[in-house]
Amino acid sequence: LLEGRAEQSTDDWQPGLYRAYGTAEGFLGLVEVAMDGDIKPHRMMAGRFPR
């Protein structure tokens, strides 16, 4: 599991979409914003990923 606070972009999060994020540790990954507004960690991806 990923620990640490994710740095969110200034853009509003849209429900049901996946957004890129990075942590202070430098990991990159995707998070899913559920319809109820909860941010759920998605699979971690090292290095680059489609934007």
N, C-alpha and C. Protein backbone atom coordinates (compact mmCIF):
# COMPACT_ATOMS: atom_id res chain seq x y z
N LEU A 1 0.84 -1.20 0.00
CA LEU A 1 0.00 0.00 0.00
C LEU A 1 0.87 1.25 0.00
N LEU A 2 0.36 2.27 -0.62
CA LEU A 2 1.12 3.52 -0.72
C LEU A 2 0.88 4.36 0.52
N GLU A 3 1.97 4.82 1.11
CA GLU A 3 1.83 5.69 2.28
C GLU A 3 2.29 7.10 1.93
N GLY A 4 1.83 8.05 2.70
CA GLY A 4 2.19 9.44 2.44
C GLY A 4 1.05 10.18 1.77
N ARG A 5 1.10 11.49 1.87
CA ARG A 5 0.03 12.30 1.29
C ARG A 5 0.27 12.50 -0.20
N ALA A 6 -0.77 12.30 -0.97
CA ALA A 6 -0.66 12.52 -2.42
C ALA A 6 -0.78 14.01 -2.71
N GLU A 7 0.01 14.46 -3.66
CA GLU A 7 -0.06 15.86 -4.06
C GLU A 7 -1.05 16.01 -5.21
N GLN A 8 -2.18 16.62 -4.93
CA GLN A 8 -3.23 16.74 -5.94
C GLN A 8 -3.00 17.99 -6.78
N SER A 9 -3.46 17.93 -8.02
CA SER A 9 -3.35 19.09 -8.89
C SER A 9 -4.40 20.12 -8.48
N THR A 10 -4.28 21.32 -9.03
CA THR A 10 -5.22 22.38 -8.69
C THR A 10 -6.55 22.19 -9.41
N ASP A 11 -6.56 21.29 -10.40
CA ASP A 11 -7.80 21.04 -11.13
C ASP A 11 -8.80 20.33 -10.23
N ASP A 12 -10.07 20.61 -10.43
CA ASP A 12 -11.11 19.92 -9.67
C ASP A 12 -11.12 18.45 -10.04
N TRP A 13 -11.28 17.60 -9.04
CA TRP A 13 -11.34 16.16 -9.30
C TRP A 13 -12.73 15.79 -9.79
N GLN A 14 -12.77 15.02 -10.87
CA GLN A 14 -14.04 14.60 -11.43
C GLN A 14 -14.35 13.17 -11.00
N PRO A 15 -15.56 12.92 -10.50
CA PRO A 15 -15.92 11.58 -10.06
C PRO A 15 -15.79 10.56 -11.18
N GLY A 16 -15.30 9.38 -10.82
CA GLY A 16 -15.23 8.29 -11.78
C GLY A 16 -14.04 8.34 -12.72
N LEU A 17 -13.19 9.36 -12.57
CA LEU A 17 -12.04 9.48 -13.46
C LEU A 17 -10.76 9.08 -12.74
N TYR A 18 -9.76 8.77 -13.53
CA TYR A 18 -8.45 8.48 -12.97
C TYR A 18 -7.55 9.69 -13.17
N ARG A 19 -6.82 10.07 -12.15
CA ARG A 19 -5.91 11.20 -12.25
C ARG A 19 -4.51 10.77 -11.81
N ALA A 20 -3.52 11.35 -12.43
CA ALA A 20 -2.14 11.07 -12.06
C ALA A 20 -1.81 11.81 -10.77
N TYR A 21 -0.93 11.23 -9.98
CA TYR A 21 -0.46 11.91 -8.79
C TYR A 21 0.95 11.45 -8.46
N GLY A 22 1.64 12.25 -7.66
CA GLY A 22 2.97 11.88 -7.20
C GLY A 22 3.06 12.09 -5.70
N THR A 23 3.94 11.36 -5.07
CA THR A 23 4.12 11.51 -3.63
C THR A 23 5.46 12.16 -3.35
N ALA A 24 5.68 12.52 -2.12
CA ALA A 24 6.95 13.11 -1.74
C ALA A 24 8.10 12.14 -1.97
N GLU A 25 7.78 10.84 -1.96
CA GLU A 25 8.80 9.83 -2.19
C GLU A 25 9.14 9.72 -3.68
N GLY A 26 8.34 10.36 -4.54
CA GLY A 26 8.65 10.38 -5.95
C GLY A 26 7.93 9.32 -6.76
N PHE A 27 7.07 8.53 -6.11
CA PHE A 27 6.32 7.52 -6.85
C PHE A 27 5.25 8.19 -7.69
N LEU A 28 4.94 7.57 -8.82
CA LEU A 28 3.83 8.04 -9.65
C LEU A 28 2.78 6.95 -9.70
N GLY A 29 1.56 7.35 -9.75
CA GLY A 29 0.49 6.35 -9.80
C GLY A 29 -0.80 6.99 -10.25
N LEU A 30 -1.87 6.23 -10.14
CA LEU A 30 -3.18 6.73 -10.51
C LEU A 30 -4.12 6.57 -9.33
N VAL A 31 -5.05 7.49 -9.19
CA VAL A 31 -6.08 7.35 -8.18
C VAL A 31 -7.43 7.46 -8.86
N GLU A 32 -8.39 6.73 -8.34
CA GLU A 32 -9.75 6.80 -8.86
C GLU A 32 -10.59 7.61 -7.89
N VAL A 33 -11.29 8.60 -8.41
CA VAL A 33 -12.19 9.38 -7.58
C VAL A 33 -13.57 8.75 -7.69
N ALA A 34 -14.00 8.15 -6.60
CA ALA A 34 -15.29 7.45 -6.61
C ALA A 34 -16.43 8.46 -6.72
N MET A 35 -17.62 7.96 -7.08
CA MET A 35 -18.77 8.84 -7.25
C MET A 35 -19.11 9.56 -5.94
N ASP A 36 -18.75 8.94 -4.79
CA ASP A 36 -19.05 9.59 -3.51
C ASP A 36 -17.96 10.58 -3.11
N GLY A 37 -16.96 10.73 -3.97
CA GLY A 37 -15.92 11.71 -3.72
C GLY A 37 -14.69 11.15 -3.04
N ASP A 38 -14.74 9.88 -2.63
CA ASP A 38 -13.57 9.28 -2.00
C ASP A 38 -12.50 9.00 -3.04
N ILE A 39 -11.26 9.24 -2.68
CA ILE A 39 -10.16 8.97 -3.58
C ILE A 39 -9.59 7.60 -3.25
N LYS A 40 -9.65 6.68 -4.22
CA LYS A 40 -9.20 5.31 -3.98
C LYS A 40 -7.88 5.07 -4.70
N PRO A 41 -6.87 4.56 -3.99
CA PRO A 41 -5.60 4.25 -4.65
C PRO A 41 -5.81 3.21 -5.74
N HIS A 42 -5.15 3.42 -6.88
CA HIS A 42 -5.23 2.47 -7.97
C HIS A 42 -3.87 1.80 -8.10
N ARG A 43 -3.68 1.03 -9.14
CA ARG A 43 -2.43 0.31 -9.29
C ARG A 43 -1.25 1.29 -9.44
N MET A 44 -0.17 0.96 -8.78
CA MET A 44 1.02 1.79 -8.89
C MET A 44 1.71 1.53 -10.22
N MET A 45 2.28 2.58 -10.79
CA MET A 45 2.98 2.42 -12.06
C MET A 45 4.31 3.15 -11.94
N ALA A 46 5.39 2.45 -12.20
CA ALA A 46 6.71 3.08 -12.11
C ALA A 46 7.02 3.85 -13.39
N GLY A 47 7.64 4.99 -13.24
CA GLY A 47 8.05 5.77 -14.41
C GLY A 47 6.88 6.44 -15.09
N ARG A 48 6.86 6.32 -16.43
CA ARG A 48 5.86 7.06 -17.21
C ARG A 48 4.54 6.31 -17.30
N PHE A 49 3.48 7.05 -17.56
CA PHE A 49 2.17 6.45 -17.81
C PHE A 49 1.38 7.40 -18.70
N PRO A 50 0.40 6.90 -19.42
CA PRO A 50 -0.41 7.75 -20.31
C PRO A 50 -1.11 8.86 -19.53
N ARG A 51 -1.09 10.07 -20.10
CA ARG A 51 -1.75 11.17 -19.43
C ARG A 51 -3.19 11.29 -19.90
